[in-house]
Amino acid sequence: MVEQSLRADWSRPYRVVQWATGNVGSRAMRRVIEHPGMELVGVWVSNPDKVGRDAGELAEVAPVGIKATNSIDDVIALKPDCVLYMPHVNRVDEVCRLLAAGINIVSTRMEYQNPAGLDPADRAAIEDACRRGNSSIHATGSSPGFISEAVPIVLTSIARRVDKLTISEFADTSSRNSPEMLFGPMMGFGAAPGKMNEAMLHHMKHSFSPSLNLIAEAWGMPFDDVQTRQAQGVARQDVVIPAGVAKAGTVAATKTVVSCLHKGKPLIEFEAIWYISADVDTTDGEEWNFRKSGWRVLVEGDTPLDVTIGYPVSDADYPAFTPNLTAHRPVNCIPYVCAARPGFVTTLDLPQVIARLA
């Protein structure tokens, strides 16, 4: 239940530390630096080569006089209101140290979006740290997060019966010059077709089903099973992109579906169509709808809705634009998480998140 006291208090700046400065973290830090109601007071980095560098340099803005550290003790000594926790590797021990020190956390780590999906021992340790520090932790992002929680809450607020919710995500990644991401084990482009991408199936199931179950539980319709399936799009000709080449006959598109069942029937499905080429033969024999990057949300029930969200940016601007999708909502959530009761704070616990823009 949303607490009525969860209101942004702009009487003083929120003191923020950025934890990790990867693609998303550096963008989030830049937005904190620019934010009219926030003050960047520190930055933690995992790369030894970044230690001692100015936060402004890492965020690609003018120097701000704050040097990067890789010491959690340095971060705790700053006594920030909040840490934006965005590392590539999640460490429960350091999360607990921050929370026990009285520091709130807003994270992009998917593990924390629904505490019910955590290992029970980890959940208990984090809840204990929150009690000791009178602190809160919340996780969000674009997908999962915004599209799997915030948008469905709004769309189904005018319904009295939902038969099925389908979220389709489309990602044309052909302009991304990220060879490891695109041709590595997660995306698997350029690989021989046939063998299912177990890394992606595991990632999709364990990243999205806890987030989607928040909505289903709020409806009073929790999942009784979660199933995954995948199909591949096989390139009809060589696909040449900035990140490399996918030869004809190799994987150039994937469709991964997480199907969440209630009483044996699909209640919510998340479908991800990620591709570097739409000129493919599909292994499921279906003709895929290769939309431009964005989302489609289909609500079936007594108040059906069909909503499409696209990104009106050029191919040249797309790689620089995409970090905003994940970085901005956590920044906008900081005031509400700082005002929350101790413990885990999910999207269901938050009021409507309003961005302060000026």
Protein backbone atom coordinates (compact mmCIF):
# COMPACT_ATOMS: atom_id res chain seq x y z
CA MET A 1 0.00 0.00 0.00
CA VAL A 2 1.27 3.47 -0.88
CA GLU A 3 2.08 5.57 2.15
CA GLN A 4 0.58 9.03 2.02
CA SER A 5 3.77 10.48 3.50
CA LEU A 6 5.84 9.51 0.46
CA ARG A 7 6.28 12.98 -0.93
CA ALA A 8 9.35 14.61 -2.39
CA ASP A 9 10.94 17.07 0.04
CA TRP A 10 12.82 19.68 -1.94
CA SER A 11 13.66 21.85 1.08
CA ARG A 12 17.29 20.75 0.67
CA PRO A 13 19.21 18.86 -2.02
CA TYR A 14 19.27 15.07 -1.84
CA ARG A 15 22.87 13.92 -1.29
CA VAL A 16 23.59 11.13 -3.78
CA VAL A 17 26.46 8.74 -4.46
CA GLN A 18 26.69 6.98 -7.81
CA TRP A 19 27.79 3.35 -7.44
CA ALA A 20 29.37 2.12 -10.71
CA THR A 21 29.82 4.12 -13.88
CA GLY A 22 29.05 1.81 -16.77
CA ASN A 23 26.86 2.79 -19.68
CA VAL A 24 23.78 3.35 -17.50
CA GLY A 25 25.55 4.40 -14.31
CA SER A 26 27.50 7.20 -15.96
CA ARG A 27 24.28 8.51 -17.52
CA ALA A 28 22.47 8.42 -14.18
CA MET A 29 25.37 10.29 -12.56
CA ARG A 30 25.22 12.98 -15.24
CA ARG A 31 21.53 13.48 -14.50
CA VAL A 32 22.22 13.80 -10.76
CA ILE A 33 24.89 16.42 -11.49
CA GLU A 34 22.39 18.35 -13.61
CA HIS A 35 19.41 17.85 -11.27
CA PRO A 36 18.14 21.04 -9.58
CA GLY A 37 17.28 19.22 -6.35
CA MET A 38 20.20 16.80 -6.00
CA GLU A 39 23.85 17.02 -5.07
CA LEU A 40 26.37 14.44 -6.20
CA VAL A 41 28.66 13.87 -3.21
CA GLY A 42 30.57 10.77 -4.31
CA VAL A 43 31.16 8.07 -6.91
CA TRP A 44 32.26 4.46 -6.46
CA VAL A 45 33.99 2.61 -9.31
CA SER A 46 35.09 -0.98 -9.81
CA ASN A 47 37.74 -0.25 -12.44
CA PRO A 48 41.08 0.67 -10.79
CA ASP A 49 41.87 2.90 -13.79
CA LYS A 50 38.93 5.14 -12.86
CA VAL A 51 39.93 5.64 -9.22
CA GLY A 52 40.88 9.27 -8.60
CA ARG A 53 39.27 10.56 -11.78
CA ASP A 54 36.78 13.41 -11.57
CA ALA A 55 33.11 12.40 -11.58
CA GLY A 56 32.42 15.01 -14.23
CA GLU A 57 34.94 13.40 -16.55
CA LEU A 58 33.33 9.98 -16.01
CA ALA A 59 29.91 11.50 -16.74
CA GLU A 60 31.27 13.37 -19.78
CA VAL A 61 30.51 16.80 -18.36
CA ALA A 62 32.67 19.54 -16.84
CA PRO A 63 34.73 18.63 -13.73
CA VAL A 64 32.78 18.79 -10.47
CA GLY A 65 35.61 18.34 -7.96
CA ILE A 66 34.55 14.86 -6.79
CA LYS A 67 37.10 12.06 -7.14
CA ALA A 68 36.10 8.45 -7.77
CA THR A 69 36.83 5.85 -5.10
CA ASN A 70 36.61 2.08 -4.89
CA SER A 71 36.24 2.06 -1.09
CA ILE A 72 32.87 1.39 0.48
CA ASP A 73 34.19 2.98 3.66
CA ASP A 74 34.68 6.25 1.75
CA VAL A 75 31.08 6.08 0.56
CA ILE A 76 29.68 5.42 4.04
CA ALA A 77 31.74 8.28 5.47
CA LEU A 78 30.01 10.69 3.08
CA LYS A 79 26.64 9.96 4.76
CA PRO A 80 24.61 10.32 1.57
CA ASP A 81 20.83 10.18 1.54
CA CYS A 82 20.91 7.64 -1.26
CA VAL A 83 23.22 5.44 -3.32
CA LEU A 84 22.34 4.74 -6.94
CA TYR A 85 23.48 1.11 -6.96
CA MET A 86 24.17 0.05 -10.57
CA PRO A 87 27.04 -2.48 -10.69
CA HIS A 88 27.37 -5.29 -13.22
CA VAL A 89 27.83 -7.75 -10.35
CA ASN A 90 25.43 -7.73 -7.40
CA ARG A 91 26.96 -8.16 -3.95
CA VAL A 92 24.50 -8.58 -1.12
CA ASP A 93 27.15 -7.98 1.52
CA GLU A 94 27.92 -4.47 0.28
CA VAL A 95 24.20 -3.70 -0.13
CA CYS A 96 23.69 -4.69 3.51
CA ARG A 97 26.61 -2.52 4.67
CA LEU A 98 25.18 0.53 2.93
CA LEU A 99 21.66 -0.04 4.26
CA ALA A 100 22.86 -0.75 7.82
CA ALA A 101 24.76 2.55 7.69
CA GLY A 102 21.47 4.38 7.14
CA ILE A 103 21.88 4.91 3.39
CA ASN A 104 18.88 4.38 1.14
CA ILE A 105 19.42 2.52 -2.13
CA VAL A 106 17.81 2.89 -5.54
CA SER A 107 19.09 0.23 -7.88
CA THR A 108 18.81 -1.09 -11.41
CA ARG A 109 19.58 -4.61 -10.18
CA MET A 110 16.59 -6.74 -11.17
CA GLU A 111 17.01 -8.98 -8.10
CA TYR A 112 15.52 -6.29 -5.89
CA GLN A 113 12.39 -5.40 -7.88
CA ASN A 114 10.33 -8.06 -6.11
CA PRO A 115 11.83 -9.33 -2.84
CA ALA A 116 9.73 -12.49 -3.10
CA GLY A 117 12.10 -13.66 -5.83
CA LEU A 118 15.23 -13.36 -3.68
CA ASP A 119 17.04 -16.15 -1.90
CA PRO A 120 15.38 -16.22 1.56
CA ALA A 121 18.70 -15.77 3.37
CA ASP A 122 19.60 -12.74 1.24
CA ARG A 123 16.16 -11.24 1.75
CA ALA A 124 16.36 -11.69 5.51
CA ALA A 125 19.84 -10.13 5.64
CA ILE A 126 18.72 -7.09 3.64
CA GLU A 127 15.57 -6.60 5.70
CA ASP A 128 17.63 -6.78 8.89
CA ALA A 129 20.08 -4.20 7.52
CA CYS A 130 17.17 -1.90 6.66
CA ARG A 131 15.80 -2.19 10.18
CA ARG A 132 19.17 -1.43 11.72
CA GLY A 133 19.81 1.54 9.44
CA ASN A 134 16.21 2.79 9.14
CA SER A 135 16.77 2.66 5.39
CA SER A 136 14.95 1.54 2.25
CA ILE A 137 15.81 -0.19 -1.02
CA HIS A 138 14.01 0.01 -4.35
CA ALA A 139 14.90 -1.30 -7.82
CA THR A 140 13.58 -0.19 -11.15
CA GLY A 141 14.59 0.40 -14.74
CA SER A 142 13.00 0.44 -18.16
CA SER A 143 12.52 -3.27 -18.85
CA PRO A 144 11.80 -4.77 -16.42
CA GLY A 145 10.47 -1.89 -14.37
CA PHE A 146 8.76 0.89 -16.28
CA ILE A 147 7.17 -1.30 -18.95
CA SER A 148 6.48 -4.34 -16.75
CA GLU A 149 5.16 -2.50 -13.69
CA ALA A 150 4.49 1.24 -14.01
CA VAL A 151 2.74 1.13 -17.38
CA PRO A 152 0.49 -1.90 -16.64
CA ILE A 153 -0.60 -0.35 -13.34
CA VAL A 154 -1.80 2.76 -15.16
CA LEU A 155 -3.42 0.95 -18.10
CA THR A 156 -5.38 -1.53 -16.00
CA SER A 157 -6.56 1.16 -13.58
CA ILE A 158 -9.60 1.62 -15.85
CA ALA A 159 -10.39 -2.11 -16.05
CA ARG A 160 -12.54 -4.39 -13.93
CA ARG A 161 -11.57 -7.59 -15.75
CA VAL A 162 -8.28 -8.50 -17.37
CA ASP A 163 -8.20 -11.66 -19.43
CA LYS A 164 -4.62 -11.26 -20.60
CA LEU A 165 -1.85 -8.69 -20.65
CA THR A 166 0.76 -8.99 -23.41
CA ILE A 167 3.89 -6.85 -23.43
CA SER A 168 5.95 -6.98 -26.61
CA GLU A 169 9.41 -5.47 -26.72
CA PHE A 170 11.14 -4.72 -30.01
CA ALA A 171 14.84 -3.95 -30.19
CA ASP A 172 16.64 -3.29 -33.45
CA THR A 173 20.24 -3.55 -32.24
CA SER A 174 21.88 -3.32 -35.65
CA SER A 175 23.32 0.15 -34.97
CA ARG A 176 24.93 -0.86 -31.66
CA ASN A 177 28.70 -1.22 -31.94
CA SER A 178 28.83 -3.73 -29.09
CA PRO A 179 30.35 -6.97 -30.42
CA GLU A 180 30.49 -8.74 -27.05
CA MET A 181 26.83 -7.98 -26.28
CA LEU A 182 25.46 -8.85 -29.72
CA PHE A 183 27.65 -11.82 -30.70
CA GLY A 184 28.30 -13.14 -27.19
CA PRO A 185 26.32 -15.82 -25.34
CA MET A 186 23.49 -13.53 -24.22
CA MET A 187 22.21 -12.32 -27.61
CA GLY A 188 23.83 -15.06 -29.65
CA PHE A 189 23.68 -13.39 -33.05
CA GLY A 190 25.89 -15.01 -35.67
CA ALA A 191 25.62 -18.44 -34.03
CA ALA A 192 24.34 -21.60 -35.70
CA PRO A 193 20.57 -21.95 -35.29
CA GLY A 194 18.76 -24.79 -33.58
CA LYS A 195 20.16 -24.83 -30.06
CA MET A 196 18.12 -22.67 -27.72
CA ASN A 197 19.92 -19.84 -25.98
CA GLU A 198 19.74 -21.08 -22.39
CA ALA A 199 21.46 -17.95 -21.04
CA MET A 200 18.77 -15.73 -22.52
CA LEU A 201 15.92 -18.01 -21.43
CA HIS A 202 17.22 -18.04 -17.86
CA HIS A 203 17.77 -14.27 -17.88
CA MET A 204 14.29 -13.54 -19.20
CA LYS A 205 12.50 -15.88 -16.80
CA HIS A 206 14.28 -14.77 -13.66
CA SER A 207 14.36 -11.09 -14.57
CA PHE A 208 10.79 -10.61 -15.71
CA SER A 209 8.56 -13.10 -13.89
CA PRO A 210 9.12 -11.60 -10.39
CA SER A 211 8.43 -8.12 -11.76
CA LEU A 212 5.30 -9.23 -13.61
CA ASN A 213 4.08 -11.18 -10.58
CA LEU A 214 3.97 -7.92 -8.60
CA ILE A 215 1.13 -6.84 -10.88
CA ALA A 216 -0.62 -10.21 -10.85
CA GLU A 217 -0.49 -10.41 -7.04
CA ALA A 218 -1.88 -6.88 -6.79
CA TRP A 219 -4.78 -7.98 -9.00
CA GLY A 220 -5.33 -10.94 -6.68
CA MET A 221 -4.28 -13.34 -9.45
CA PRO A 222 -0.78 -14.63 -8.58
CA PHE A 223 1.05 -16.92 -10.99
CA ASP A 224 0.95 -20.67 -10.51
CA ASP A 225 3.51 -21.39 -13.22
CA VAL A 226 6.00 -19.60 -15.47
CA GLN A 227 7.01 -21.06 -18.83
CA THR A 228 9.51 -19.87 -21.42
CA ARG A 229 9.92 -20.54 -25.11
CA GLN A 230 12.16 -19.23 -27.85
CA ALA A 231 12.36 -19.10 -31.61
CA GLN A 232 15.11 -17.85 -33.88
CA GLY A 233 15.29 -15.84 -37.07
CA VAL A 234 17.87 -17.23 -39.49
CA ALA A 235 19.55 -14.71 -41.81
CA ARG A 236 18.79 -15.16 -45.50
CA GLN A 237 21.97 -13.30 -46.44
CA ASP A 238 25.07 -11.93 -44.71
CA VAL A 239 24.23 -9.18 -42.20
CA VAL A 240 26.95 -6.55 -41.92
CA ILE A 241 26.62 -4.17 -38.96
CA PRO A 242 29.10 -1.96 -37.04
CA ALA A 243 29.64 -4.69 -34.43
CA GLY A 244 30.49 -7.42 -36.93
CA VAL A 245 29.02 -9.86 -39.44
CA ALA A 246 26.33 -12.52 -39.06
CA LYS A 247 26.73 -14.93 -41.96
CA ALA A 248 23.78 -16.16 -43.99
CA GLY A 249 22.28 -19.19 -42.24
CA THR A 250 23.12 -17.95 -38.73
CA VAL A 251 20.94 -16.33 -36.08
CA ALA A 252 20.02 -12.71 -36.79
CA ALA A 253 16.89 -12.41 -34.63
CA THR A 254 15.38 -14.00 -31.56
CA LYS A 255 11.91 -14.13 -30.08
CA THR A 256 11.80 -15.07 -26.40
CA VAL A 257 8.50 -15.37 -24.54
CA VAL A 258 7.92 -15.53 -20.79
CA SER A 259 4.42 -16.88 -20.25
CA CYS A 260 3.00 -16.43 -16.75
CA LEU A 261 0.01 -18.64 -15.95
CA HIS A 262 -2.87 -18.22 -13.53
CA LYS A 263 -5.18 -21.21 -13.09
CA GLY A 264 -3.45 -22.90 -16.00
CA LYS A 265 -3.99 -20.09 -18.52
CA PRO A 266 -1.58 -17.36 -19.69
CA LEU A 267 -2.42 -14.20 -17.75
CA ILE A 268 0.64 -12.08 -18.58
CA GLU A 269 3.12 -12.68 -21.38
CA PHE A 270 6.31 -10.78 -22.07
CA GLU A 271 7.61 -11.20 -25.61
CA ALA A 272 11.01 -9.87 -26.65
CA ILE A 273 11.90 -9.64 -30.33
CA TRP A 274 15.53 -8.56 -30.60
CA TYR A 275 17.18 -8.45 -34.00
CA ILE A 276 19.96 -7.19 -36.23
CA SER A 277 18.02 -8.02 -39.41
CA ALA A 278 14.37 -8.57 -40.29
CA ASP A 279 15.29 -10.49 -43.46
CA VAL A 280 15.06 -13.89 -41.79
CA ASP A 281 13.34 -17.26 -41.87
CA THR A 282 11.78 -18.04 -38.48
CA THR A 283 12.19 -21.39 -36.78
CA ASP A 284 8.61 -21.34 -35.48
CA GLY A 285 7.23 -20.85 -38.98
CA GLU A 286 5.46 -17.64 -37.97
CA GLU A 287 5.81 -14.24 -39.58
CA TRP A 288 7.17 -11.94 -36.88
CA ASN A 289 6.12 -8.34 -36.55
CA PHE A 290 9.44 -6.51 -36.80
CA ARG A 291 8.44 -3.12 -35.46
CA LYS A 292 10.91 -0.38 -34.80
CA SER A 293 12.45 -0.36 -31.35
CA GLY A 294 9.91 0.21 -28.61
CA TRP A 295 7.01 -1.56 -26.91
CA ARG A 296 3.47 -2.65 -27.54
CA VAL A 297 1.16 -3.30 -24.57
CA LEU A 298 -2.08 -5.17 -25.28
CA VAL A 299 -4.73 -5.40 -22.57
CA GLU A 300 -7.53 -7.90 -23.21
CA GLY A 301 -10.59 -7.78 -20.98
CA ASP A 302 -13.61 -5.59 -20.36
CA THR A 303 -11.62 -2.44 -21.22
CA PRO A 304 -9.29 -3.53 -24.04
CA LEU A 305 -6.35 -1.30 -24.91
CA ASP A 306 -3.62 -1.46 -27.53
CA VAL A 307 -0.79 0.96 -26.78
CA THR A 308 2.38 1.41 -28.81
CA ILE A 309 5.44 3.23 -27.50
CA GLY A 310 8.19 4.15 -29.92
CA TYR A 311 11.42 6.10 -29.84
CA PRO A 312 11.47 9.00 -32.32
CA VAL A 313 15.25 9.18 -32.60
CA SER A 314 17.54 8.58 -35.55
CA ASP A 315 19.65 5.45 -35.95
CA ALA A 316 22.71 7.60 -35.35
CA ASP A 317 21.32 8.91 -32.04
CA TYR A 318 19.83 5.60 -30.87
CA PRO A 319 22.92 4.15 -29.09
CA ALA A 320 23.39 7.36 -27.07
CA PHE A 321 19.66 7.58 -26.32
CA THR A 322 19.05 4.09 -24.94
CA PRO A 323 20.86 4.49 -21.55
CA ASN A 324 18.31 7.19 -20.66
CA LEU A 325 15.54 4.58 -20.65
CA THR A 326 17.09 2.74 -17.72
CA ALA A 327 18.97 5.56 -15.97
CA HIS A 328 16.32 8.24 -15.53
CA ARG A 329 13.55 6.53 -13.56
CA PRO A 330 15.89 5.49 -10.70
CA VAL A 331 17.02 9.12 -10.38
CA ASN A 332 13.40 10.30 -10.31
CA CYS A 333 12.56 7.72 -7.63
CA ILE A 334 15.17 8.93 -5.12
CA PRO A 335 12.94 11.35 -3.12
CA TYR A 336 10.18 8.78 -2.70
CA VAL A 337 12.51 6.00 -1.58
CA CYS A 338 14.21 8.34 0.91
CA ALA A 339 10.76 9.05 2.40
CA ALA A 340 9.67 5.40 2.53
CA ARG A 341 9.42 3.14 5.54
CA PRO A 342 12.45 0.89 6.19
CA GLY A 343 12.74 -2.21 4.02
CA PHE A 344 12.02 -3.18 0.45
CA VAL A 345 9.99 -0.68 -1.53
CA THR A 346 8.34 -2.02 -4.70
CA THR A 347 6.54 -0.13 -7.43
CA LEU A 348 3.29 -0.99 -5.65
CA ASP A 349 4.52 0.90 -2.58
CA LEU A 350 5.39 4.09 -4.46
CA PRO A 351 3.07 6.95 -5.32
CA GLN A 352 3.03 8.19 -8.89
CA VAL A 353 6.66 9.02 -9.64
CA ILE A 354 6.86 12.63 -10.79
CA ALA A 355 10.06 13.93 -12.33
CA ARG A 356 11.25 17.32 -11.13
CA LEU A 357 12.49 18.94 -14.33
CA ALA A 358 13.22 22.54 -13.28
